[in-house]
Amino acid sequence: MSEVTLYTDGACKGNPGVGGWGAFLQSGRHSKELFGGEANTTNNRMELTAVIQGLAALKRPCIVNIYTDSQYVKNGMQEWIHNWKARGWKTASKQPVKNVELWQALDAEVNKHQVHWHWIKGHAGNPGNEKADELANRGVELIK
C-alpha cells in the first residue's frame, strides 16, 4: 500500500460563520492541495470536512498518517466514536452526537484505509499544518 501524509485544518470567521477547510496530501514527491468553504458553519464542521475530503481524494487503500490540530477530530476518532456507534450515535448523556452525518462520513472514509492519527499544535511552524491552514483560509475566501 502507498503511504500518504495528510495535513488538515478548518477555519471559521465567526463560530458559526463563514468557514473553510484545507487538506494537504503528500506521497513521495507528489503533493495535492484541496480546499473549500461553506457560508454558515462551525470550526468543528470544517475540521471534520477537511479530513473527509482529504481521504476521499485517495483512489485506492493507503497507509495514511493524518496530522490535525483538532483534538475534537482526533479524540472523536480514537476515543469517542466506538461508544457513539454502540449507543446508536448517542453521547454518554443520551444526546444525539453533534455533526453525526460528518462523523459517519469520516468513519466510512477511515475504514477504507490504514489510518494513523497524530495531533500537532496549530500555528507552531509545522510546514504541513501551515499549508493546511493557508488552504482552509483560501476556502473561507471562496465564500466571502
N, C-alpha and C. Protein backbone atom coordinates (compact mmCIF):
# COMPACT_ATOMS: atom_id res chain seq x y z
N MET A 1 0.83 -1.19 0.00
CA MET A 1 0.00 0.00 0.00
C MET A 1 0.88 1.25 0.00
N SER A 2 0.41 2.25 -0.71
CA SER A 2 1.10 3.54 -0.73
C SER A 2 0.95 4.22 0.62
N GLU A 3 1.98 4.99 0.99
CA GLU A 3 1.92 5.78 2.21
C GLU A 3 1.64 7.23 1.86
N VAL A 4 0.71 7.82 2.59
CA VAL A 4 0.30 9.19 2.36
C VAL A 4 0.35 9.95 3.68
N THR A 5 0.82 11.18 3.63
CA THR A 5 0.74 12.08 4.77
C THR A 5 -0.34 13.10 4.44
N LEU A 6 -1.28 13.26 5.37
CA LEU A 6 -2.41 14.16 5.18
C LEU A 6 -2.44 15.17 6.32
N TYR A 7 -2.26 16.44 5.97
CA TYR A 7 -2.41 17.54 6.93
C TYR A 7 -3.76 18.18 6.69
N THR A 8 -4.51 18.42 7.74
CA THR A 8 -5.85 19.00 7.59
C THR A 8 -6.05 20.16 8.56
N ASP A 9 -6.93 21.08 8.14
CA ASP A 9 -7.28 22.18 9.04
C ASP A 9 -8.62 22.76 8.63
N GLY A 10 -9.29 23.34 9.60
CA GLY A 10 -10.53 24.05 9.38
C GLY A 10 -10.39 25.47 9.88
N ALA A 11 -11.16 26.37 9.31
CA ALA A 11 -11.15 27.77 9.72
C ALA A 11 -12.58 28.29 9.72
N CYS A 12 -12.85 29.21 10.61
CA CYS A 12 -14.19 29.79 10.66
C CYS A 12 -14.08 31.24 11.11
N LYS A 13 -14.71 32.13 10.37
CA LYS A 13 -14.74 33.55 10.72
C LYS A 13 -16.08 33.81 11.38
N GLY A 14 -16.07 33.71 12.70
CA GLY A 14 -17.29 33.63 13.48
C GLY A 14 -17.55 32.14 13.70
N ASN A 15 -18.20 31.79 14.77
CA ASN A 15 -18.43 30.37 15.03
C ASN A 15 -19.82 30.21 15.66
N PRO A 16 -20.88 30.10 14.87
CA PRO A 16 -20.88 29.82 13.43
C PRO A 16 -20.59 31.07 12.60
N GLY A 17 -20.21 30.80 11.36
CA GLY A 17 -19.90 31.86 10.42
C GLY A 17 -19.40 31.27 9.12
N VAL A 18 -18.73 32.09 8.33
CA VAL A 18 -18.15 31.64 7.07
C VAL A 18 -16.95 30.76 7.41
N GLY A 19 -16.92 29.57 6.83
CA GLY A 19 -15.86 28.63 7.15
C GLY A 19 -15.15 28.09 5.93
N GLY A 20 -13.97 27.55 6.18
CA GLY A 20 -13.20 26.91 5.12
C GLY A 20 -12.47 25.70 5.66
N TRP A 21 -12.13 24.81 4.76
CA TRP A 21 -11.36 23.62 5.13
C TRP A 21 -10.21 23.47 4.13
N GLY A 22 -9.12 22.86 4.61
CA GLY A 22 -7.98 22.63 3.75
C GLY A 22 -7.37 21.27 4.04
N ALA A 23 -6.90 20.62 2.99
CA ALA A 23 -6.22 19.33 3.11
C ALA A 23 -4.99 19.35 2.21
N PHE A 24 -3.86 18.99 2.77
CA PHE A 24 -2.60 18.94 2.03
C PHE A 24 -2.08 17.51 2.11
N LEU A 25 -2.04 16.85 0.95
CA LEU A 25 -1.61 15.45 0.87
C LEU A 25 -0.22 15.37 0.26
N GLN A 26 0.60 14.47 0.80
CA GLN A 26 1.93 14.22 0.26
C GLN A 26 2.16 12.71 0.20
N SER A 27 2.75 12.27 -0.91
CA SER A 27 3.16 10.88 -1.06
C SER A 27 4.38 10.87 -1.97
N GLY A 28 5.51 10.51 -1.40
CA GLY A 28 6.75 10.58 -2.17
C GLY A 28 7.01 12.01 -2.60
N ARG A 29 7.23 12.20 -3.91
CA ARG A 29 7.48 13.54 -4.43
C ARG A 29 6.19 14.24 -4.88
N HIS A 30 5.06 13.58 -4.71
CA HIS A 30 3.79 14.13 -5.16
C HIS A 30 3.07 14.82 -4.01
N SER A 31 2.34 15.87 -4.35
CA SER A 31 1.51 16.55 -3.35
C SER A 31 0.23 17.03 -4.02
N LYS A 32 -0.78 17.23 -3.20
CA LYS A 32 -2.08 17.70 -3.70
C LYS A 32 -2.65 18.65 -2.66
N GLU A 33 -3.25 19.75 -3.14
CA GLU A 33 -3.88 20.73 -2.27
C GLU A 33 -5.37 20.75 -2.55
N LEU A 34 -6.17 20.66 -1.50
CA LEU A 34 -7.63 20.70 -1.61
C LEU A 34 -8.16 21.73 -0.63
N PHE A 35 -9.21 22.43 -1.03
CA PHE A 35 -9.85 23.37 -0.11
C PHE A 35 -11.27 23.66 -0.58
N GLY A 36 -12.07 24.13 0.35
CA GLY A 36 -13.44 24.52 0.06
C GLY A 36 -14.00 25.30 1.22
N GLY A 37 -15.24 25.74 1.10
CA GLY A 37 -15.82 26.54 2.16
C GLY A 37 -17.33 26.42 2.22
N GLU A 38 -17.89 26.93 3.28
CA GLU A 38 -19.34 26.96 3.49
C GLU A 38 -19.71 28.30 4.10
N ALA A 39 -20.92 28.76 3.78
CA ALA A 39 -21.36 30.08 4.22
C ALA A 39 -21.72 30.14 5.71
N ASN A 40 -22.35 29.13 6.23
CA ASN A 40 -22.82 29.17 7.61
C ASN A 40 -22.47 27.85 8.27
N THR A 41 -21.35 27.83 8.98
CA THR A 41 -20.83 26.57 9.51
C THR A 41 -20.09 26.83 10.81
N THR A 42 -19.45 25.79 11.33
CA THR A 42 -18.65 25.91 12.55
C THR A 42 -17.24 25.41 12.28
N ASN A 43 -16.33 25.78 13.17
CA ASN A 43 -14.96 25.32 13.05
C ASN A 43 -14.89 23.79 13.10
N ASN A 44 -15.62 23.17 14.02
CA ASN A 44 -15.59 21.71 14.12
C ASN A 44 -16.05 21.04 12.83
N ARG A 45 -17.08 21.58 12.21
CA ARG A 45 -17.56 21.01 10.95
C ARG A 45 -16.49 21.12 9.86
N MET A 46 -15.78 22.22 9.84
CA MET A 46 -14.73 22.41 8.84
C MET A 46 -13.53 21.49 9.11
N GLU A 47 -13.20 21.28 10.38
CA GLU A 47 -12.12 20.35 10.73
C GLU A 47 -12.48 18.93 10.24
N LEU A 48 -13.70 18.51 10.48
CA LEU A 48 -14.14 17.18 10.03
C LEU A 48 -14.15 17.09 8.51
N THR A 49 -14.67 18.12 7.85
CA THR A 49 -14.76 18.12 6.39
C THR A 49 -13.38 18.02 5.75
N ALA A 50 -12.40 18.68 6.33
CA ALA A 50 -11.05 18.64 5.78
C ALA A 50 -10.52 17.20 5.73
N VAL A 51 -10.72 16.45 6.80
CA VAL A 51 -10.23 15.07 6.82
C VAL A 51 -11.03 14.20 5.85
N ILE A 52 -12.35 14.37 5.85
CA ILE A 52 -13.20 13.60 4.93
C ILE A 52 -12.76 13.82 3.49
N GLN A 53 -12.60 15.08 3.10
CA GLN A 53 -12.24 15.39 1.72
C GLN A 53 -10.83 14.90 1.38
N GLY A 54 -9.91 15.01 2.31
CA GLY A 54 -8.57 14.51 2.08
C GLY A 54 -8.55 13.02 1.83
N LEU A 55 -9.26 12.26 2.66
CA LEU A 55 -9.32 10.81 2.49
C LEU A 55 -10.09 10.44 1.23
N ALA A 56 -11.15 11.16 0.93
CA ALA A 56 -11.97 10.86 -0.25
C ALA A 56 -11.19 11.06 -1.55
N ALA A 57 -10.13 11.87 -1.51
CA ALA A 57 -9.33 12.12 -2.70
C ALA A 57 -8.43 10.93 -3.06
N LEU A 58 -8.25 10.01 -2.12
CA LEU A 58 -7.39 8.84 -2.38
C LEU A 58 -8.15 7.83 -3.24
N LYS A 59 -7.49 7.34 -4.26
CA LYS A 59 -8.15 6.47 -5.24
C LYS A 59 -8.07 4.98 -4.90
N ARG A 60 -7.23 4.62 -3.93
CA ARG A 60 -7.11 3.23 -3.51
C ARG A 60 -6.73 3.20 -2.03
N PRO A 61 -6.87 2.05 -1.38
CA PRO A 61 -6.49 1.96 0.03
C PRO A 61 -5.02 2.33 0.24
N CYS A 62 -4.77 3.11 1.27
CA CYS A 62 -3.42 3.59 1.58
C CYS A 62 -3.16 3.52 3.08
N ILE A 63 -1.89 3.59 3.42
CA ILE A 63 -1.49 3.85 4.80
C ILE A 63 -1.46 5.37 4.92
N VAL A 64 -2.27 5.92 5.81
CA VAL A 64 -2.41 7.38 5.88
C VAL A 64 -2.04 7.86 7.28
N ASN A 65 -1.08 8.76 7.33
CA ASN A 65 -0.74 9.45 8.57
C ASN A 65 -1.43 10.80 8.53
N ILE A 66 -2.45 10.95 9.39
CA ILE A 66 -3.23 12.18 9.43
C ILE A 66 -2.71 13.06 10.55
N TYR A 67 -2.37 14.30 10.17
CA TYR A 67 -1.91 15.30 11.13
C TYR A 67 -2.97 16.39 11.23
N THR A 68 -3.51 16.56 12.43
CA THR A 68 -4.55 17.56 12.67
C THR A 68 -4.23 18.33 13.93
N ASP A 69 -4.64 19.60 13.96
CA ASP A 69 -4.51 20.36 15.20
C ASP A 69 -5.82 20.36 15.97
N SER A 70 -6.76 19.51 15.54
CA SER A 70 -8.07 19.42 16.18
C SER A 70 -8.15 18.22 17.13
N GLN A 71 -8.17 18.52 18.43
CA GLN A 71 -8.38 17.45 19.42
C GLN A 71 -9.77 16.84 19.23
N TYR A 72 -10.72 17.66 18.82
CA TYR A 72 -12.10 17.20 18.57
C TYR A 72 -12.10 16.04 17.57
N VAL A 73 -11.43 16.23 16.44
CA VAL A 73 -11.40 15.19 15.41
C VAL A 73 -10.60 13.98 15.89
N LYS A 74 -9.41 14.21 16.39
CA LYS A 74 -8.55 13.09 16.80
C LYS A 74 -9.20 12.29 17.93
N ASN A 75 -9.66 12.96 18.97
CA ASN A 75 -10.28 12.25 20.09
C ASN A 75 -11.58 11.57 19.67
N GLY A 76 -12.33 12.25 18.81
CA GLY A 76 -13.57 11.65 18.31
C GLY A 76 -13.32 10.31 17.64
N MET A 77 -12.29 10.26 16.81
CA MET A 77 -12.00 9.03 16.07
C MET A 77 -11.27 7.98 16.90
N GLN A 78 -10.47 8.40 17.85
CA GLN A 78 -9.70 7.44 18.63
C GLN A 78 -10.38 7.01 19.92
N GLU A 79 -11.24 7.86 20.47
CA GLU A 79 -11.79 7.57 21.79
C GLU A 79 -13.32 7.48 21.84
N TRP A 80 -14.00 8.38 21.14
CA TRP A 80 -15.44 8.51 21.36
C TRP A 80 -16.31 7.71 20.39
N ILE A 81 -15.87 7.56 19.16
CA ILE A 81 -16.75 7.03 18.11
C ILE A 81 -17.24 5.62 18.39
N HIS A 82 -16.40 4.81 19.02
CA HIS A 82 -16.80 3.41 19.27
C HIS A 82 -18.03 3.36 20.17
N ASN A 83 -18.04 4.17 21.22
CA ASN A 83 -19.21 4.21 22.11
C ASN A 83 -20.40 4.87 21.45
N TRP A 84 -20.16 5.92 20.65
CA TRP A 84 -21.27 6.55 19.94
C TRP A 84 -21.99 5.53 19.06
N LYS A 85 -21.22 4.75 18.33
CA LYS A 85 -21.82 3.76 17.43
C LYS A 85 -22.57 2.69 18.24
N ALA A 86 -21.98 2.26 19.33
CA ALA A 86 -22.61 1.24 20.18
C ALA A 86 -23.93 1.74 20.77
N ARG A 87 -24.03 3.05 21.00
CA ARG A 87 -25.25 3.65 21.56
C ARG A 87 -26.19 4.17 20.50
N GLY A 88 -25.97 3.82 19.24
CA GLY A 88 -26.83 4.33 18.18
C GLY A 88 -26.60 5.81 17.91
N TRP A 89 -25.34 6.23 17.93
CA TRP A 89 -24.94 7.62 17.68
C TRP A 89 -25.51 8.59 18.72
N LYS A 90 -25.45 8.14 19.98
CA LYS A 90 -25.82 8.98 21.12
C LYS A 90 -24.60 9.14 22.01
N THR A 91 -24.54 10.29 22.71
CA THR A 91 -23.47 10.54 23.66
C THR A 91 -23.75 9.77 24.95
N ALA A 92 -22.80 9.85 25.88
CA ALA A 92 -22.98 9.19 27.18
C ALA A 92 -24.20 9.73 27.91
N SER A 93 -24.55 10.99 27.64
CA SER A 93 -25.74 11.59 28.28
C SER A 93 -26.99 11.39 27.43
N LYS A 94 -26.92 10.45 26.49
CA LYS A 94 -28.04 10.04 25.65
C LYS A 94 -28.54 11.12 24.69
N GLN A 95 -27.68 12.10 24.42
CA GLN A 95 -28.00 13.15 23.46
C GLN A 95 -27.48 12.74 22.08
N PRO A 96 -28.12 13.22 21.01
CA PRO A 96 -27.60 12.92 19.67
C PRO A 96 -26.20 13.50 19.50
N VAL A 97 -25.33 12.75 18.84
CA VAL A 97 -23.97 13.23 18.56
C VAL A 97 -24.07 14.42 17.60
N LYS A 98 -23.40 15.51 17.94
CA LYS A 98 -23.37 16.67 17.05
C LYS A 98 -22.56 16.33 15.80
N ASN A 99 -22.99 16.84 14.67
CA ASN A 99 -22.31 16.63 13.38
C ASN A 99 -22.28 15.16 12.99
N VAL A 100 -23.32 14.43 13.37
CA VAL A 100 -23.34 12.98 13.18
C VAL A 100 -23.10 12.58 11.72
N GLU A 101 -23.67 13.33 10.77
CA GLU A 101 -23.50 12.94 9.36
C GLU A 101 -22.04 13.05 8.93
N LEU A 102 -21.32 14.00 9.51
CA LEU A 102 -19.90 14.13 9.19
C LEU A 102 -19.07 13.03 9.86
N TRP A 103 -19.40 12.72 11.11
CA TRP A 103 -18.71 11.62 11.78
C TRP A 103 -18.93 10.31 11.04
N GLN A 104 -20.15 10.08 10.56
CA GLN A 104 -20.43 8.85 9.82
C GLN A 104 -19.67 8.83 8.50
N ALA A 105 -19.60 9.96 7.82
CA ALA A 105 -18.85 10.03 6.56
C ALA A 105 -17.36 9.82 6.82
N LEU A 106 -16.83 10.40 7.88
CA LEU A 106 -15.43 10.22 8.21
C LEU A 106 -15.14 8.76 8.57
N ASP A 107 -16.01 8.16 9.33
CA ASP A 107 -15.85 6.75 9.70
C ASP A 107 -15.79 5.88 8.44
N ALA A 108 -16.66 6.14 7.49
CA ALA A 108 -16.68 5.36 6.24
C ALA A 108 -15.37 5.54 5.47
N GLU A 109 -14.86 6.76 5.41
CA GLU A 109 -13.59 7.01 4.70
C GLU A 109 -12.41 6.35 5.42
N VAL A 110 -12.37 6.47 6.73
CA VAL A 110 -11.27 5.90 7.51
C VAL A 110 -11.21 4.38 7.32
N ASN A 111 -12.38 3.76 7.24
CA ASN A 111 -12.42 2.30 7.12
C ASN A 111 -11.89 1.77 5.79
N LYS A 112 -11.64 2.65 4.83
CA LYS A 112 -11.07 2.24 3.54
C LYS A 112 -9.54 2.18 3.60
N HIS A 113 -8.95 2.70 4.67
CA HIS A 113 -7.50 2.86 4.73
C HIS A 113 -6.96 2.36 6.06
N GLN A 114 -5.64 2.32 6.14
CA GLN A 114 -4.95 2.06 7.40
C GLN A 114 -4.50 3.42 7.92
N VAL A 115 -5.23 3.95 8.90
CA VAL A 115 -5.04 5.34 9.34
C VAL A 115 -4.31 5.40 10.67
N HIS A 116 -3.39 6.35 10.75
CA HIS A 116 -2.68 6.66 12.00
C HIS A 116 -2.92 8.14 12.29
N TRP A 117 -3.41 8.42 13.50
CA TRP A 117 -3.77 9.78 13.88
C TRP A 117 -2.63 10.44 14.64
N HIS A 118 -2.38 11.71 14.33
CA HIS A 118 -1.35 12.49 15.01
C HIS A 118 -1.91 13.88 15.29
N TRP A 119 -1.78 14.32 16.54
CA TRP A 119 -2.17 15.69 16.88
C TRP A 119 -0.91 16.54 16.84
N ILE A 120 -1.04 17.72 16.23
CA ILE A 120 0.06 18.69 16.23
C ILE A 120 -0.49 20.04 16.66
N LYS A 121 0.34 20.79 17.32
CA LYS A 121 -0.06 22.12 17.76
C LYS A 121 -0.21 23.02 16.53
N GLY A 122 -1.34 23.70 16.44
CA GLY A 122 -1.59 24.60 15.34
C GLY A 122 -0.78 25.88 15.45
N HIS A 123 -0.47 26.47 14.32
CA HIS A 123 0.23 27.76 14.25
C HIS A 123 1.55 27.73 15.02
N ALA A 124 2.23 26.59 14.92
CA ALA A 124 3.50 26.43 15.63
C ALA A 124 4.67 26.21 14.67
N GLY A 125 4.46 26.52 13.39
CA GLY A 125 5.55 26.45 12.44
C GLY A 125 5.72 25.13 11.70
N ASN A 126 4.83 24.16 11.93
CA ASN A 126 4.92 22.91 11.16
C ASN A 126 4.51 23.22 9.72
N PRO A 127 5.39 22.98 8.74
CA PRO A 127 5.08 23.37 7.36
C PRO A 127 3.79 22.75 6.80
N GLY A 128 3.53 21.49 7.08
CA GLY A 128 2.31 20.85 6.59
C GLY A 128 1.06 21.46 7.20
N ASN A 129 1.11 21.73 8.50
CA ASN A 129 -0.02 22.34 9.18
C ASN A 129 -0.24 23.77 8.70
N GLU A 130 0.85 24.48 8.48
CA GLU A 130 0.73 25.86 7.98
C GLU A 130 0.11 25.86 6.58
N LYS A 131 0.47 24.89 5.74
CA LYS A 131 -0.10 24.78 4.40
C LYS A 131 -1.60 24.47 4.50
N ALA A 132 -1.99 23.54 5.38
CA ALA A 132 -3.41 23.22 5.55
C ALA A 132 -4.18 24.44 6.04
N ASP A 133 -3.59 25.22 6.95
CA ASP A 133 -4.22 26.43 7.45
C ASP A 133 -4.40 27.44 6.31
N GLU A 134 -3.38 27.60 5.49
CA GLU A 134 -3.47 28.51 4.34
C GLU A 134 -4.60 28.07 3.40
N LEU A 135 -4.70 26.78 3.16
CA LEU A 135 -5.75 26.26 2.28
C LEU A 135 -7.14 26.48 2.88
N ALA A 136 -7.28 26.25 4.19
CA ALA A 136 -8.57 26.48 4.85
C ALA A 136 -8.99 27.95 4.71
N ASN A 137 -8.03 28.84 4.86
CA ASN A 137 -8.35 30.27 4.72
C ASN A 137 -8.69 30.63 3.27
N ARG A 138 -8.10 29.95 2.31
CA ARG A 138 -8.49 30.13 0.91
C ARG A 138 -9.93 29.68 0.72
N GLY A 139 -10.33 28.61 1.42
CA GLY A 139 -11.72 28.15 1.37
C GLY A 139 -12.67 29.21 1.88
N VAL A 140 -12.29 29.90 2.97
CA VAL A 140 -13.11 30.99 3.50
C VAL A 140 -13.28 32.07 2.44
N GLU A 141 -12.19 32.41 1.78
CA GLU A 141 -12.21 33.48 0.78
C GLU A 141 -13.12 33.14 -0.41
N LEU A 142 -13.27 31.87 -0.71
CA LEU A 142 -14.18 31.45 -1.80
C LEU A 142 -15.62 31.88 -1.52
N ILE A 143 -15.98 31.91 -0.25
CA ILE A 143 -17.37 32.15 0.16
C ILE A 143 -17.64 33.63 0.42
N LYS A 144 -16.65 34.35 0.90
CA LYS A 144 -16.84 35.76 1.26
C LYS A 144 -17.37 36.59 0.12
